[in-house]
Structures are given as structure tokens and as C-alpha cells.
Amino acid sequence: MAAPTPSPQPPQPPRPPQKKSSKVITLTVIGAISVLVVGYCAAQSQDDVTADCIDSSTQLADGSYAVVDDDYCDESSSHYRGSHGAFLWYYAGTRIGARVMKGSTIRPANVNISSRGGHEIQRGGFGSRSSSGG
């Protein structure tokens, strides 16, 4: 006796074409959300940084500097000697008495900077500018 022949399977109906529009919409939505996130982050308030006017010629072995009156770093003051003077703004330092350490003389970008003495430090060229503020 011969083995029964398998019955032929009915033909599969053709598959509908895949929609490309769903991929386009997804990419568009992702792009729009990315733009919104970047815009939101840019609009957030900037960080605040405190600065101290220092005499850079007084660095101690522990890396700290003597803090002097803000007028020494103020361009409109008679004490100010321009970029060649010994008096500099020292940003984000830790103040210990009349000394400051663990900061930087490099002005941070995109932050609000004010001195402990009440001066708002304006954005300027390479040095710094200050004006009395509250």
C-alpha cells in the first residue's frame, strides 16, 4: 500500500504592504521632543558662582590666597592694574577667614557671578568688570 500524499495547503493571502508613515511620524515626534528638551534646558536659570578678589602674589603652600577688598579687582578703582596686576577674581573658592582656596582664576561660562562683597561681576573680555550691586 502506498503512503497517502499530503493534501496541498491553501495559498496564503497576500500580506498588506508595510506602512512607512509610522516610521516617519515616530522620527518626527522624536525630533520635536528633542528640540523642546534642548530649549527647556537652555531656558533654565543659570548657576550662581561666588567670587573673591585675591592678591595672587600671596599664595601659601596650601594653595590658598589672601582675600582683598573688591575694589582691587574693580576696573574703575585706583587699585586696579589691568591684566598685569596681582589682583584677580577667584571663582567658586572655599573661604576660610581672610583666605580662599580650591577655586579657579578662570572665569566659568554661562553662570551668574557675584562677589561676597556685593559686586555683580559683569561679563567682560579677558579680565573682569565689576559694578556695585546688591
Protein backbone atom coordinates (compact mmCIF):
# COMPACT_ATOMS: atom_id res chain seq x y z
CA MET A 1 0.00 0.00 0.00
CA ALA A 2 1.25 3.39 -0.88
CA ALA A 3 1.58 6.23 1.61
CA PRO A 4 -1.10 8.85 1.37
CA THR A 5 0.02 12.04 -0.35
CA PRO A 6 -0.20 15.14 1.78
CA SER A 7 -3.01 17.42 0.86
CA PRO A 8 -1.88 20.70 -0.63
CA GLN A 9 -2.13 23.71 1.70
CA PRO A 10 -4.35 26.54 0.62
CA PRO A 11 -2.43 29.54 -0.71
CA GLN A 12 -1.69 32.31 1.83
CA PRO A 13 -3.44 35.61 1.19
CA PRO A 14 -1.01 38.35 0.16
CA ARG A 15 0.32 40.45 3.04
CA PRO A 16 -0.62 44.11 3.05
CA PRO A 17 2.32 46.42 2.35
CA GLN A 18 4.09 47.76 5.46
CA LYS A 19 3.31 51.33 6.35
CA LYS A 20 6.29 53.65 6.19
CA SER A 21 4.31 56.56 7.55
CA SER A 22 4.52 55.22 11.10
CA LYS A 23 8.33 55.39 10.98
CA VAL A 24 8.21 58.95 9.62
CA ILE A 25 5.81 60.04 12.33
CA THR A 26 7.96 58.43 15.04
CA LEU A 27 11.10 60.18 13.81
CA THR A 28 9.28 63.49 13.57
CA VAL A 29 7.95 63.19 17.11
CA ILE A 30 11.39 62.26 18.46
CA GLY A 31 12.91 65.27 16.67
CA ALA A 32 10.27 67.64 18.03
CA ILE A 33 10.69 66.34 21.57
CA SER A 34 14.47 66.74 21.30
CA VAL A 35 14.09 70.38 20.26
CA LEU A 36 11.72 71.02 23.17
CA VAL A 37 14.08 69.41 25.70
CA VAL A 38 17.07 71.42 24.46
CA GLY A 39 15.03 74.63 24.54
CA TYR A 40 13.79 73.92 28.04
CA CYS A 41 17.31 73.23 29.32
CA ALA A 42 18.62 76.43 27.73
CA ALA A 43 15.86 78.47 29.35
CA GLN A 44 16.57 77.23 32.86
CA SER A 45 18.13 79.66 35.30
CA GLN A 46 21.88 79.69 35.29
CA ASP A 47 24.04 78.69 38.23
CA ASP A 48 25.31 81.26 40.68
CA VAL A 49 29.02 81.44 41.44
CA THR A 50 30.69 83.48 44.16
CA ALA A 51 33.98 85.23 43.50
CA ASP A 52 36.60 86.73 45.79
CA CYS A 53 39.15 89.39 44.87
CA ILE A 54 42.57 87.95 45.68
CA ASP A 55 46.18 89.07 45.76
CA SER A 56 47.73 86.42 43.51
CA SER A 57 51.20 87.20 44.86
CA THR A 58 50.24 85.84 48.30
CA GLN A 59 49.73 82.14 47.54
CA LEU A 60 50.64 79.94 50.51
CA ALA A 61 51.94 76.38 50.41
CA ASP A 62 48.40 75.04 50.97
CA GLY A 63 47.29 76.78 47.74
CA SER A 64 45.22 79.48 49.44
CA TYR A 65 45.31 83.19 48.59
CA ALA A 66 44.75 86.34 50.64
CA VAL A 67 41.35 87.91 50.00
CA VAL A 68 41.44 91.68 49.46
CA ASP A 69 38.75 94.33 49.06
CA ASP A 70 36.69 94.03 45.86
CA ASP A 71 37.92 97.49 44.82
CA TYR A 72 41.30 95.99 43.96
CA CYS A 73 39.65 93.97 41.17
CA ASP A 74 37.31 96.76 40.06
CA GLU A 75 38.42 98.40 36.81
CA SER A 76 37.11 101.77 37.96
CA SER A 77 39.23 101.67 41.14
CA SER A 78 42.62 103.34 41.53
CA HIS A 79 43.92 99.98 42.84
CA TYR A 80 43.16 98.17 39.57
CA ARG A 81 46.28 97.46 37.47
CA GLY A 82 44.69 95.74 34.46
CA SER A 83 45.51 92.21 33.41
CA HIS A 84 49.13 92.63 34.59
CA GLY A 85 48.19 93.39 38.20
CA ALA A 86 48.40 90.94 41.07
CA PHE A 87 44.72 91.28 41.92
CA LEU A 88 42.34 88.79 40.29
CA TRP A 89 38.85 87.41 40.70
CA TYR A 90 38.96 83.91 42.19
CA TYR A 91 35.83 81.92 41.32
CA ALA A 92 33.97 79.29 43.36
CA GLY A 93 36.60 79.09 46.08
CA THR A 94 36.19 77.95 49.66
CA ARG A 95 36.58 80.90 52.01
CA ILE A 96 38.41 80.30 55.29
CA GLY A 97 38.75 83.51 57.27
CA ALA A 98 40.63 86.04 55.14
CA ARG A 99 41.89 83.38 52.71
CA VAL A 100 40.31 81.42 49.89
CA MET A 101 41.28 78.13 48.23
CA LYS A 102 40.05 75.29 45.98
CA GLY A 103 38.69 77.65 43.32
CA SER A 104 39.92 78.95 39.99
CA THR A 105 41.08 82.18 38.37
CA ILE A 106 39.43 81.02 35.13
CA ARG A 107 36.02 82.59 34.72
CA PRO A 108 33.29 79.95 34.40
CA ALA A 109 30.98 80.27 31.43
CA ASN A 110 27.20 80.64 31.47
CA VAL A 111 26.84 81.43 35.17
CA ASN A 112 25.85 84.43 37.26
CA ILE A 113 28.89 85.67 39.18
CA SER A 114 28.80 87.94 42.21
CA SER A 115 31.36 88.71 44.88
CA ARG A 116 30.88 88.17 48.58
CA GLY A 117 31.27 91.93 48.91
CA GLY A 118 28.10 92.57 46.89
CA HIS A 119 29.57 93.35 43.48
CA GLU A 120 27.91 91.80 40.47
CA ILE A 121 30.66 90.74 38.12
CA GLN A 122 29.70 91.54 34.57
CA ARG A 123 30.67 89.58 31.52
CA GLY A 124 33.73 91.15 30.09
CA GLY A 125 36.66 90.31 27.88
CA PHE A 126 39.62 88.52 29.25
CA GLY A 127 39.83 90.26 32.63
CA SER A 128 36.77 91.15 34.55
CA ARG A 129 34.47 94.04 35.20
CA SER A 130 32.52 94.80 38.28
CA SER A 131 29.93 97.29 39.34
CA SER A 132 28.38 97.89 42.66
CA GLY A 133 25.23 95.91 43.04
CA GLY A 134 23.04 94.43 45.66
